Amino acid sequence: MFKSIGKSLTAGVSCLGLAAAPALAQSPGPFVYTVVVPGGEFGSAAFLAELLATLAAAKAFCSAAGESALQVDCLSERLETAADGIPEGTDYDEVRSVLQDTSVRLRQLARQNRDPDRRRVTVSSASNPAERTARPLTPVRASVQAAVNREAARILEEAATVLLRSAESARERQTQYAQIAEAIDSNKVLLRS
């Protein structure tokens, strides 16, 4: 009985395969999509542009949040999001690691100086409400905000320095890492206001 069922299933599947062939021939064609993954000699110019745009968007997003007490943790969250967007096993592993480390340090700084009278809040973009922080942000106490901002700026400078030093040994990385370091370092502008 099982042999008979097996033959029927095989015949049925074979018929389905033949019946599907004309439908595939009439389809508009295969879907084409592009995934930009750094590789080859060193990194992809398109991926570098995407990463630089993400870092610039971090500054714009946190600036638009408008609340200085949230700036440090906002930068932390945006750098974490940028790091998460870098695929593992690519030429940008070190960049991902630096962004993750910087994000963790900024988050810890904000939490250590948390304003106990305020709740954590999720921030949305004013221009695109669908764009929001992946987690609630921790506000910093007003009394220590200037000192926290100075420390956060130092953390960003260290991240940029680590990238620049690591690129010294590999000529192909120098230009790209310098651009990424500059984009990270440019976020200090938020901390001066």
N, C-alpha and C. Protein backbone atom coordinates (compact mmCIF):
# COMPACT_ATOMS: atom_id res chain seq x y z
N MET A 1 0.82 -1.19 0.00
CA MET A 1 0.00 0.00 0.00
C MET A 1 0.87 1.27 0.00
N PHE A 2 1.95 1.27 0.82
CA PHE A 2 2.81 2.44 0.88
C PHE A 2 3.53 2.68 -0.45
N LYS A 3 3.86 1.57 -1.16
CA LYS A 3 4.51 1.71 -2.47
C LYS A 3 3.57 2.38 -3.45
N SER A 4 2.31 2.00 -3.39
CA SER A 4 1.30 2.58 -4.28
C SER A 4 1.10 4.06 -4.00
N ILE A 5 1.05 4.42 -2.73
CA ILE A 5 0.91 5.84 -2.34
C ILE A 5 2.15 6.62 -2.77
N GLY A 6 3.31 6.00 -2.58
CA GLY A 6 4.56 6.65 -2.97
C GLY A 6 4.61 6.92 -4.45
N LYS A 7 4.18 5.96 -5.27
CA LYS A 7 4.16 6.15 -6.72
C LYS A 7 3.17 7.23 -7.11
N SER A 8 2.02 7.26 -6.44
CA SER A 8 1.02 8.29 -6.74
C SER A 8 1.54 9.68 -6.40
N LEU A 9 2.21 9.79 -5.22
CA LEU A 9 2.77 11.09 -4.83
C LEU A 9 3.85 11.53 -5.80
N THR A 10 4.70 10.60 -6.19
CA THR A 10 5.77 10.94 -7.13
C THR A 10 5.18 11.40 -8.45
N ALA A 11 4.19 10.68 -8.93
CA ALA A 11 3.55 11.07 -10.19
C ALA A 11 2.87 12.42 -10.06
N GLY A 12 2.21 12.66 -8.93
CA GLY A 12 1.54 13.94 -8.70
C GLY A 12 2.52 15.09 -8.64
N VAL A 13 3.64 14.88 -7.95
CA VAL A 13 4.65 15.93 -7.85
C VAL A 13 5.24 16.19 -9.23
N SER A 14 5.48 15.15 -9.99
CA SER A 14 6.02 15.33 -11.34
C SER A 14 5.07 16.15 -12.20
N CYS A 15 3.79 15.87 -12.08
CA CYS A 15 2.79 16.62 -12.85
C CYS A 15 2.77 18.08 -12.44
N LEU A 16 2.91 18.31 -11.12
CA LEU A 16 2.92 19.69 -10.64
C LEU A 16 4.11 20.44 -11.21
N GLY A 17 5.24 19.76 -11.27
CA GLY A 17 6.44 20.39 -11.81
C GLY A 17 6.23 20.79 -13.27
N LEU A 18 5.59 19.94 -14.04
CA LEU A 18 5.35 20.25 -15.45
C LEU A 18 4.31 21.36 -15.60
N ALA A 19 3.32 21.32 -14.74
CA ALA A 19 2.27 22.33 -14.83
C ALA A 19 2.80 23.70 -14.44
N ALA A 20 3.80 23.74 -13.58
CA ALA A 20 4.34 25.02 -13.13
C ALA A 20 5.27 25.64 -14.15
N ALA A 21 5.84 24.85 -15.04
CA ALA A 21 6.82 25.36 -15.99
C ALA A 21 6.28 26.48 -16.87
N PRO A 22 5.09 26.35 -17.47
CA PRO A 22 4.61 27.45 -18.30
C PRO A 22 4.37 28.73 -17.51
N ALA A 23 3.95 28.59 -16.25
CA ALA A 23 3.69 29.78 -15.44
C ALA A 23 4.99 30.53 -15.18
N LEU A 24 6.08 29.79 -14.97
CA LEU A 24 7.36 30.44 -14.75
C LEU A 24 7.86 31.12 -16.02
N ALA A 25 7.60 30.49 -17.15
CA ALA A 25 8.05 31.08 -18.41
C ALA A 25 7.32 32.38 -18.71
N GLN A 26 6.12 32.55 -18.16
CA GLN A 26 5.35 33.76 -18.41
C GLN A 26 5.59 34.84 -17.36
N SER A 27 6.37 34.52 -16.34
CA SER A 27 6.60 35.52 -15.28
C SER A 27 7.47 36.65 -15.83
N PRO A 28 7.43 37.81 -15.19
CA PRO A 28 8.18 38.95 -15.70
C PRO A 28 9.68 38.78 -15.58
N GLY A 29 10.14 37.75 -14.92
CA GLY A 29 11.57 37.53 -14.76
C GLY A 29 11.93 37.43 -13.30
N PRO A 30 13.15 37.06 -13.03
CA PRO A 30 13.56 36.91 -11.63
C PRO A 30 13.69 38.28 -10.96
N PHE A 31 13.54 38.27 -9.68
CA PHE A 31 13.74 39.50 -8.92
C PHE A 31 15.24 39.76 -8.82
N VAL A 32 15.61 40.98 -8.97
CA VAL A 32 17.00 41.36 -8.85
C VAL A 32 17.10 42.33 -7.69
N TYR A 33 17.99 42.01 -6.79
CA TYR A 33 18.22 42.93 -5.68
C TYR A 33 19.71 42.99 -5.43
N THR A 34 20.14 44.08 -4.89
CA THR A 34 21.55 44.30 -4.66
C THR A 34 21.81 44.38 -3.18
N VAL A 35 22.80 43.66 -2.75
CA VAL A 35 23.25 43.73 -1.37
C VAL A 35 24.66 44.27 -1.42
N VAL A 36 24.89 45.37 -0.75
CA VAL A 36 26.20 45.98 -0.74
C VAL A 36 26.94 45.46 0.49
N VAL A 37 27.88 44.60 0.25
CA VAL A 37 28.69 44.05 1.33
C VAL A 37 30.14 44.33 1.00
N PRO A 38 30.85 44.95 1.92
CA PRO A 38 32.25 45.24 1.66
C PRO A 38 33.02 43.96 1.37
N GLY A 39 33.89 43.99 0.46
CA GLY A 39 34.69 42.82 0.16
C GLY A 39 35.74 43.16 -0.87
N GLY A 40 36.48 42.18 -1.26
CA GLY A 40 37.50 42.40 -2.25
C GLY A 40 38.72 43.04 -1.64
N GLU A 41 39.26 44.01 -2.34
CA GLU A 41 40.49 44.64 -1.89
C GLU A 41 40.29 45.33 -0.55
N PHE A 42 39.38 46.23 -0.47
CA PHE A 42 38.94 46.76 0.80
C PHE A 42 37.67 47.53 0.62
N GLY A 43 36.65 47.07 1.28
CA GLY A 43 35.40 47.78 1.37
C GLY A 43 34.79 48.24 0.07
N SER A 44 33.55 48.49 0.12
CA SER A 44 32.79 48.96 -1.02
C SER A 44 32.55 50.45 -0.86
N ALA A 45 32.74 51.19 -1.92
CA ALA A 45 32.50 52.64 -1.87
C ALA A 45 31.04 52.93 -1.55
N ALA A 46 30.14 52.10 -2.07
CA ALA A 46 28.71 52.29 -1.80
C ALA A 46 28.40 52.04 -0.32
N PHE A 47 29.04 51.02 0.25
CA PHE A 47 28.81 50.73 1.67
C PHE A 47 29.39 51.84 2.53
N LEU A 48 30.56 52.34 2.17
CA LEU A 48 31.15 53.45 2.91
C LEU A 48 30.23 54.66 2.88
N ALA A 49 29.68 54.97 1.72
CA ALA A 49 28.76 56.10 1.61
C ALA A 49 27.53 55.89 2.49
N GLU A 50 27.02 54.66 2.52
CA GLU A 50 25.87 54.33 3.36
C GLU A 50 26.20 54.52 4.84
N LEU A 51 27.37 54.06 5.25
CA LEU A 51 27.79 54.19 6.66
C LEU A 51 27.98 55.65 7.04
N LEU A 52 28.62 56.41 6.17
CA LEU A 52 28.81 57.84 6.44
C LEU A 52 27.47 58.57 6.53
N ALA A 53 26.54 58.20 5.67
CA ALA A 53 25.20 58.80 5.73
C ALA A 53 24.50 58.43 7.03
N THR A 54 24.67 57.20 7.48
CA THR A 54 24.06 56.76 8.74
C THR A 54 24.63 57.56 9.91
N LEU A 55 25.93 57.79 9.92
CA LEU A 55 26.56 58.55 11.00
C LEU A 55 26.13 60.02 10.95
N ALA A 56 25.99 60.57 9.76
CA ALA A 56 25.50 61.95 9.63
C ALA A 56 24.04 62.04 10.08
N ALA A 57 23.26 61.02 9.74
CA ALA A 57 21.85 60.99 10.15
C ALA A 57 21.72 60.89 11.66
N ALA A 58 22.69 60.25 12.31
CA ALA A 58 22.67 60.15 13.77
C ALA A 58 22.73 61.54 14.39
N LYS A 59 23.64 62.34 13.87
CA LYS A 59 23.78 63.71 14.38
C LYS A 59 22.51 64.50 14.14
N ALA A 60 21.96 64.39 12.94
CA ALA A 60 20.74 65.12 12.61
C ALA A 60 19.56 64.67 13.47
N PHE A 61 19.43 63.36 13.64
CA PHE A 61 18.32 62.81 14.43
C PHE A 61 18.40 63.29 15.88
N CYS A 62 19.59 63.16 16.49
CA CYS A 62 19.74 63.55 17.90
C CYS A 62 19.61 65.05 18.08
N SER A 63 20.06 65.81 17.10
CA SER A 63 19.90 67.26 17.16
C SER A 63 18.43 67.63 17.10
N ALA A 64 17.69 66.95 16.24
CA ALA A 64 16.26 67.24 16.09
C ALA A 64 15.46 66.82 17.32
N ALA A 65 16.01 65.90 18.11
CA ALA A 65 15.33 65.48 19.34
C ALA A 65 15.13 66.70 20.24
N GLY A 66 16.06 67.66 20.12
CA GLY A 66 15.89 68.94 20.77
C GLY A 66 16.12 69.00 22.27
N GLU A 67 16.34 67.89 22.89
CA GLU A 67 16.51 67.92 24.34
C GLU A 67 17.94 67.55 24.69
N SER A 68 18.68 68.50 25.21
CA SER A 68 20.09 68.29 25.49
C SER A 68 20.33 67.18 26.51
N ALA A 69 19.41 66.95 27.41
CA ALA A 69 19.57 65.90 28.43
C ALA A 69 19.60 64.51 27.80
N LEU A 70 19.10 64.37 26.58
CA LEU A 70 19.03 63.07 25.91
C LEU A 70 20.15 62.85 24.90
N GLN A 71 20.96 63.86 24.64
CA GLN A 71 21.94 63.80 23.55
C GLN A 71 22.93 62.65 23.68
N VAL A 72 23.48 62.41 24.85
CA VAL A 72 24.50 61.37 25.02
C VAL A 72 23.92 59.99 24.75
N ASP A 73 22.77 59.71 25.35
CA ASP A 73 22.18 58.39 25.12
C ASP A 73 21.62 58.26 23.72
N CYS A 74 21.19 59.35 23.13
CA CYS A 74 20.73 59.32 21.75
C CYS A 74 21.88 58.94 20.82
N LEU A 75 23.03 59.55 21.02
CA LEU A 75 24.20 59.19 20.22
C LEU A 75 24.56 57.72 20.43
N SER A 76 24.47 57.27 21.66
CA SER A 76 24.74 55.87 21.97
C SER A 76 23.83 54.95 21.16
N GLU A 77 22.55 55.24 21.18
CA GLU A 77 21.57 54.41 20.49
C GLU A 77 21.78 54.45 18.97
N ARG A 78 22.08 55.62 18.43
CA ARG A 78 22.28 55.75 16.99
C ARG A 78 23.57 55.03 16.54
N LEU A 79 24.62 55.10 17.35
CA LEU A 79 25.86 54.40 17.01
C LEU A 79 25.65 52.89 17.09
N GLU A 80 24.86 52.47 18.04
CA GLU A 80 24.52 51.04 18.16
C GLU A 80 23.76 50.58 16.91
N THR A 81 22.83 51.39 16.47
CA THR A 81 22.07 51.06 15.26
C THR A 81 22.99 51.00 14.04
N ALA A 82 23.92 51.94 13.94
CA ALA A 82 24.88 51.94 12.83
C ALA A 82 25.74 50.67 12.87
N ALA A 83 26.21 50.31 14.05
CA ALA A 83 27.04 49.10 14.20
C ALA A 83 26.26 47.86 13.82
N ASP A 84 25.00 47.81 14.21
CA ASP A 84 24.16 46.65 13.88
C ASP A 84 23.94 46.51 12.38
N GLY A 85 24.08 47.60 11.65
CA GLY A 85 23.90 47.57 10.21
C GLY A 85 25.12 47.11 9.43
N ILE A 86 26.22 46.87 10.13
CA ILE A 86 27.44 46.42 9.47
C ILE A 86 27.49 44.89 9.55
N PRO A 87 27.49 44.22 8.41
CA PRO A 87 27.52 42.75 8.42
C PRO A 87 28.82 42.22 9.03
N GLU A 88 28.72 41.11 9.72
CA GLU A 88 29.91 40.48 10.30
C GLU A 88 30.73 39.81 9.21
N GLY A 89 32.00 39.68 9.48
CA GLY A 89 32.88 39.00 8.54
C GLY A 89 33.23 39.83 7.32
N THR A 90 33.21 41.14 7.46
CA THR A 90 33.53 42.03 6.34
C THR A 90 34.77 42.85 6.67
N ASP A 91 35.16 43.68 5.73
CA ASP A 91 36.31 44.57 5.93
C ASP A 91 36.04 45.61 7.02
N TYR A 92 34.79 45.72 7.44
CA TYR A 92 34.43 46.74 8.42
C TYR A 92 34.20 46.16 9.82
N ASP A 93 34.72 44.97 10.09
CA ASP A 93 34.56 44.37 11.42
C ASP A 93 35.12 45.29 12.51
N GLU A 94 36.26 45.88 12.25
CA GLU A 94 36.87 46.75 13.25
C GLU A 94 36.03 48.01 13.47
N VAL A 95 35.46 48.53 12.41
CA VAL A 95 34.59 49.71 12.53
C VAL A 95 33.37 49.35 13.38
N ARG A 96 32.77 48.19 13.11
CA ARG A 96 31.62 47.74 13.89
C ARG A 96 31.99 47.63 15.37
N SER A 97 33.15 47.05 15.63
CA SER A 97 33.61 46.88 17.01
C SER A 97 33.80 48.22 17.71
N VAL A 98 34.41 49.17 17.02
CA VAL A 98 34.62 50.51 17.60
C VAL A 98 33.28 51.20 17.87
N LEU A 99 32.35 51.10 16.92
CA LEU A 99 31.03 51.72 17.11
C LEU A 99 30.28 51.07 18.28
N GLN A 100 30.35 49.75 18.39
CA GLN A 100 29.69 49.05 19.50
C GLN A 100 30.29 49.47 20.83
N ASP A 101 31.62 49.50 20.91
CA ASP A 101 32.29 49.88 22.15
C ASP A 101 31.94 51.32 22.53
N THR A 102 31.96 52.21 21.56
CA THR A 102 31.63 53.61 21.82
C THR A 102 30.19 53.75 22.28
N SER A 103 29.30 53.02 21.66
CA SER A 103 27.89 53.03 22.05
C SER A 103 27.71 52.58 23.50
N VAL A 104 28.37 51.50 23.86
CA VAL A 104 28.26 50.96 25.23
C VAL A 104 28.79 51.99 26.23
N ARG A 105 29.91 52.60 25.92
CA ARG A 105 30.50 53.58 26.85
C ARG A 105 29.60 54.80 27.02
N LEU A 106 29.02 55.28 25.93
CA LEU A 106 28.12 56.43 26.02
C LEU A 106 26.86 56.08 26.81
N ARG A 107 26.35 54.89 26.58
CA ARG A 107 25.14 54.44 27.30
C ARG A 107 25.43 54.35 28.81
N GLN A 108 26.56 53.78 29.16
CA GLN A 108 26.94 53.69 30.58
C GLN A 108 27.09 55.07 31.19
N LEU A 109 27.69 55.98 30.46
CA LEU A 109 27.87 57.35 30.95
C LEU A 109 26.52 58.00 31.23
N ALA A 110 25.58 57.84 30.32
CA ALA A 110 24.25 58.41 30.52
C ALA A 110 23.56 57.77 31.73
N ARG A 111 23.67 56.47 31.84
CA ARG A 111 23.00 55.78 32.95
C ARG A 111 23.61 56.12 34.30
N GLN A 112 24.92 56.29 34.34
CA GLN A 112 25.58 56.66 35.60
C GLN A 112 25.19 58.06 36.06
N ASN A 113 24.76 58.89 35.14
CA ASN A 113 24.42 60.27 35.45
C ASN A 113 22.94 60.56 35.18
N ARG A 114 22.15 59.54 35.31
CA ARG A 114 20.71 59.60 35.04
C ARG A 114 20.00 60.60 35.95
N ASP A 115 19.04 61.28 35.38
CA ASP A 115 18.19 62.18 36.16
C ASP A 115 17.10 61.33 36.80
N PRO A 116 17.15 61.18 38.13
CA PRO A 116 16.18 60.30 38.81
C PRO A 116 14.74 60.83 38.78
N ASP A 117 14.59 62.11 38.47
CA ASP A 117 13.25 62.71 38.45
C ASP A 117 12.58 62.61 37.09
N ARG A 118 13.28 62.02 36.13
CA ARG A 118 12.71 61.93 34.77
C ARG A 118 12.69 60.48 34.31
N ARG A 119 11.70 60.19 33.51
CA ARG A 119 11.57 58.84 32.95
C ARG A 119 12.37 58.73 31.66
N ARG A 120 12.71 57.51 31.31
CA ARG A 120 13.33 57.25 30.01
C ARG A 120 12.26 57.43 28.93
N VAL A 121 12.67 57.93 27.77
CA VAL A 121 11.70 58.21 26.72
C VAL A 121 12.19 57.70 25.36
N THR A 122 11.24 57.28 24.55
CA THR A 122 11.54 56.92 23.17
C THR A 122 11.35 58.18 22.33
N VAL A 123 12.28 58.43 21.45
CA VAL A 123 12.26 59.64 20.64
C VAL A 123 11.94 59.27 19.19
N SER A 124 11.06 60.04 18.58
CA SER A 124 10.72 59.87 17.17
C SER A 124 11.21 61.07 16.39
N SER A 125 11.46 60.85 15.12
CA SER A 125 11.86 61.93 14.23
C SER A 125 10.67 62.84 13.97
N ALA A 126 10.89 64.14 13.98
CA ALA A 126 9.81 65.08 13.70
C ALA A 126 9.37 64.99 12.25
N SER A 127 10.33 64.74 11.35
CA SER A 127 9.99 64.69 9.93
C SER A 127 9.46 63.32 9.49
N ASN A 128 9.82 62.28 10.24
CA ASN A 128 9.37 60.93 9.90
C ASN A 128 9.05 60.17 11.19
N PRO A 129 7.82 60.24 11.67
CA PRO A 129 7.45 59.61 12.94
C PRO A 129 7.72 58.11 12.99
N ALA A 130 7.85 57.46 11.85
CA ALA A 130 8.16 56.03 11.85
C ALA A 130 9.61 55.78 12.27
N GLU A 131 10.46 56.78 12.11
CA GLU A 131 11.85 56.66 12.55
C GLU A 131 11.91 57.02 14.02
N ARG A 132 12.31 56.05 14.80
CA ARG A 132 12.36 56.27 16.25
C ARG A 132 13.51 55.49 16.85
N THR A 133 13.83 55.82 18.08
CA THR A 133 14.90 55.09 18.75
C THR A 133 14.44 53.67 19.02
N ALA A 134 15.39 52.75 18.98
CA ALA A 134 15.08 51.34 19.19
C ALA A 134 14.83 51.04 20.66
N ARG A 135 15.21 51.95 21.51
CA ARG A 135 15.01 51.78 22.95
C ARG A 135 14.79 53.15 23.58
N PRO A 136 14.20 53.17 24.77
CA PRO A 136 14.03 54.46 25.45
C PRO A 136 15.40 55.05 25.84
N LEU A 137 15.49 56.36 25.78
CA LEU A 137 16.73 57.07 26.10
C LEU A 137 16.73 57.55 27.55
N THR A 138 17.91 57.55 28.13
CA THR A 138 18.09 57.97 29.52
C THR A 138 18.49 59.44 29.57
N PRO A 139 17.70 60.28 30.23
CA PRO A 139 18.08 61.70 30.37
C PRO A 139 19.16 61.87 31.44
N VAL A 140 20.06 62.81 31.19
CA VAL A 140 21.15 63.12 32.12
C VAL A 140 20.71 64.27 33.02
N ARG A 141 21.14 64.21 34.27
CA ARG A 141 20.84 65.29 35.23
C ARG A 141 21.42 66.61 34.73
N ALA A 142 20.66 67.66 34.87
CA ALA A 142 21.09 68.99 34.41
C ALA A 142 22.36 69.45 35.13
N SER A 143 22.48 69.12 36.40
CA SER A 143 23.62 69.59 37.20
C SER A 143 24.97 69.01 36.74
N VAL A 144 24.96 67.88 36.04
CA VAL A 144 26.21 67.27 35.59
C VAL A 144 26.32 67.22 34.06
N GLN A 145 25.38 67.81 33.40
CA GLN A 145 25.32 67.68 31.94
C GLN A 145 26.58 68.20 31.24
N ALA A 146 27.12 69.32 31.66
CA ALA A 146 28.32 69.85 31.01
C ALA A 146 29.50 68.88 31.15
N ALA A 147 29.68 68.33 32.33
CA ALA A 147 30.77 67.36 32.55
C ALA A 147 30.53 66.08 31.76
N VAL A 148 29.29 65.62 31.71
CA VAL A 148 28.95 64.41 30.95
C VAL A 148 29.20 64.64 29.47
N ASN A 149 28.83 65.80 28.97
CA ASN A 149 29.06 66.11 27.56
C ASN A 149 30.55 66.15 27.22
N ARG A 150 31.37 66.70 28.14
CA ARG A 150 32.82 66.71 27.92
C ARG A 150 33.36 65.28 27.86
N GLU A 151 32.89 64.43 28.76
CA GLU A 151 33.33 63.03 28.78
C GLU A 151 32.85 62.29 27.51
N ALA A 152 31.65 62.55 27.09
CA ALA A 152 31.12 61.93 25.88
C ALA A 152 31.94 62.37 24.66
N ALA A 153 32.31 63.64 24.60
CA ALA A 153 33.14 64.15 23.50
C ALA A 153 34.50 63.45 23.51
N ARG A 154 35.05 63.23 24.69
CA ARG A 154 36.33 62.51 24.81
C ARG A 154 36.19 61.07 24.30
N ILE A 155 35.07 60.42 24.61
CA ILE A 155 34.82 59.04 24.15
C ILE A 155 34.75 59.00 22.63
N LEU A 156 34.08 59.99 22.03
CA LEU A 156 34.00 60.05 20.57
C LEU A 156 35.37 60.30 19.95
N GLU A 157 36.18 61.16 20.58
CA GLU A 157 37.54 61.42 20.09
C GLU A 157 38.38 60.14 20.15
N GLU A 158 38.24 59.38 21.23
CA GLU A 158 38.98 58.12 21.35
C GLU A 158 38.59 57.15 20.25
N ALA A 159 37.31 57.07 19.95
CA ALA A 159 36.85 56.17 18.90
C ALA A 159 37.48 56.56 17.56
N ALA A 160 37.49 57.85 17.26
CA ALA A 160 38.09 58.32 16.02
C ALA A 160 39.59 58.01 15.99
N THR A 161 40.26 58.20 17.11
CA THR A 161 41.70 57.93 17.19
C THR A 161 42.00 56.45 16.99
N VAL A 162 41.19 55.58 17.58
CA VAL A 162 41.39 54.13 17.41
C VAL A 162 41.29 53.77 15.93
N LEU A 163 40.30 54.30 15.25
CA LEU A 163 40.15 53.99 13.83
C LEU A 163 41.33 54.52 13.01
N LEU A 164 41.76 55.73 13.31
CA LEU A 164 42.88 56.30 12.56
C LEU A 164 44.16 55.51 12.79
N ARG A 165 44.41 55.09 14.02
CA ARG A 165 45.62 54.31 14.31
C ARG A 165 45.57 52.94 13.67
N SER A 166 44.42 52.32 13.68
CA SER A 166 44.33 50.98 13.10
C SER A 166 44.48 51.03 11.58
N ALA A 167 44.20 52.14 10.98
CA ALA A 167 44.32 52.27 9.53
C ALA A 167 45.76 52.57 9.09
N GLU A 168 46.61 52.96 10.03
CA GLU A 168 47.99 53.30 9.67
C GLU A 168 48.72 52.14 9.03
N SER A 169 48.43 50.92 9.49
CA SER A 169 49.16 49.76 8.98
C SER A 169 48.65 49.27 7.62
N ALA A 170 47.49 49.65 7.24
CA ALA A 170 46.93 49.20 5.96
C ALA A 170 46.55 50.41 5.11
N ARG A 171 47.31 50.65 4.08
CA ARG A 171 47.13 51.84 3.26
C ARG A 171 45.71 51.92 2.66
N GLU A 172 45.16 50.78 2.24
CA GLU A 172 43.84 50.80 1.61
C GLU A 172 42.74 51.24 2.58
N ARG A 173 42.99 51.11 3.87
CA ARG A 173 41.99 51.51 4.87
C ARG A 173 42.08 52.98 5.24
N GLN A 174 43.22 53.58 5.06
CA GLN A 174 43.46 54.92 5.58
C GLN A 174 42.40 55.93 5.19
N THR A 175 42.09 56.02 3.93
CA THR A 175 41.13 57.02 3.47
C THR A 175 39.74 56.74 4.02
N GLN A 176 39.31 55.49 3.94
CA GLN A 176 37.97 55.14 4.40
C GLN A 176 37.84 55.30 5.92
N TYR A 177 38.82 54.81 6.66
CA TYR A 177 38.76 54.94 8.12
C TYR A 177 38.84 56.41 8.54
N ALA A 178 39.61 57.20 7.80
CA ALA A 178 39.69 58.63 8.12
C ALA A 178 38.33 59.29 7.94
N GLN A 179 37.60 58.92 6.90
CA GLN A 179 36.27 59.48 6.67
C GLN A 179 35.30 59.05 7.78
N ILE A 180 35.37 57.78 8.17
CA ILE A 180 34.50 57.27 9.24
C ILE A 180 34.84 57.94 10.56
N ALA A 181 36.14 58.08 10.85
CA ALA A 181 36.58 58.73 12.08
C ALA A 181 36.09 60.17 12.13
N GLU A 182 36.17 60.86 11.00
CA GLU A 182 35.69 62.25 10.93
C GLU A 182 34.18 62.32 11.18
N ALA A 183 33.44 61.36 10.62
CA ALA A 183 31.99 61.34 10.82
C ALA A 183 31.63 61.08 12.28
N ILE A 184 32.37 60.19 12.93
CA ILE A 184 32.13 59.92 14.36
C ILE A 184 32.47 61.17 15.17
N ASP A 185 33.62 61.73 14.89
CA ASP A 185 34.09 62.90 15.63
C ASP A 185 33.18 64.11 15.44
N SER A 186 32.53 64.21 14.29
CA SER A 186 31.65 65.36 14.02
C SER A 186 30.43 65.39 14.94
N ASN A 187 30.12 64.26 15.55
CA ASN A 187 28.98 64.21 16.46
C ASN A 187 29.23 64.99 17.75
N LYS A 188 30.48 65.37 17.99
CA LYS A 188 30.77 66.17 19.18
C LYS A 188 30.08 67.52 19.17
N VAL A 189 29.74 67.98 17.99
CA VAL A 189 29.05 69.27 17.85
C VAL A 189 27.79 69.29 18.71
N LEU A 190 27.10 68.18 18.75
CA LEU A 190 25.86 68.09 19.56
C LEU A 190 26.13 68.33 21.04
N LEU A 191 27.31 67.93 21.47
CA LEU A 191 27.62 67.97 22.91
C LEU A 191 28.11 69.33 23.36
N ARG A 192 28.33 70.24 22.42
CA ARG A 192 28.81 71.58 22.78
C ARG A 192 27.69 72.56 23.00
N SER A 193 26.48 72.19 22.62
CA SER A 193 25.37 73.13 22.75
C SER A 193 24.75 73.09 24.12
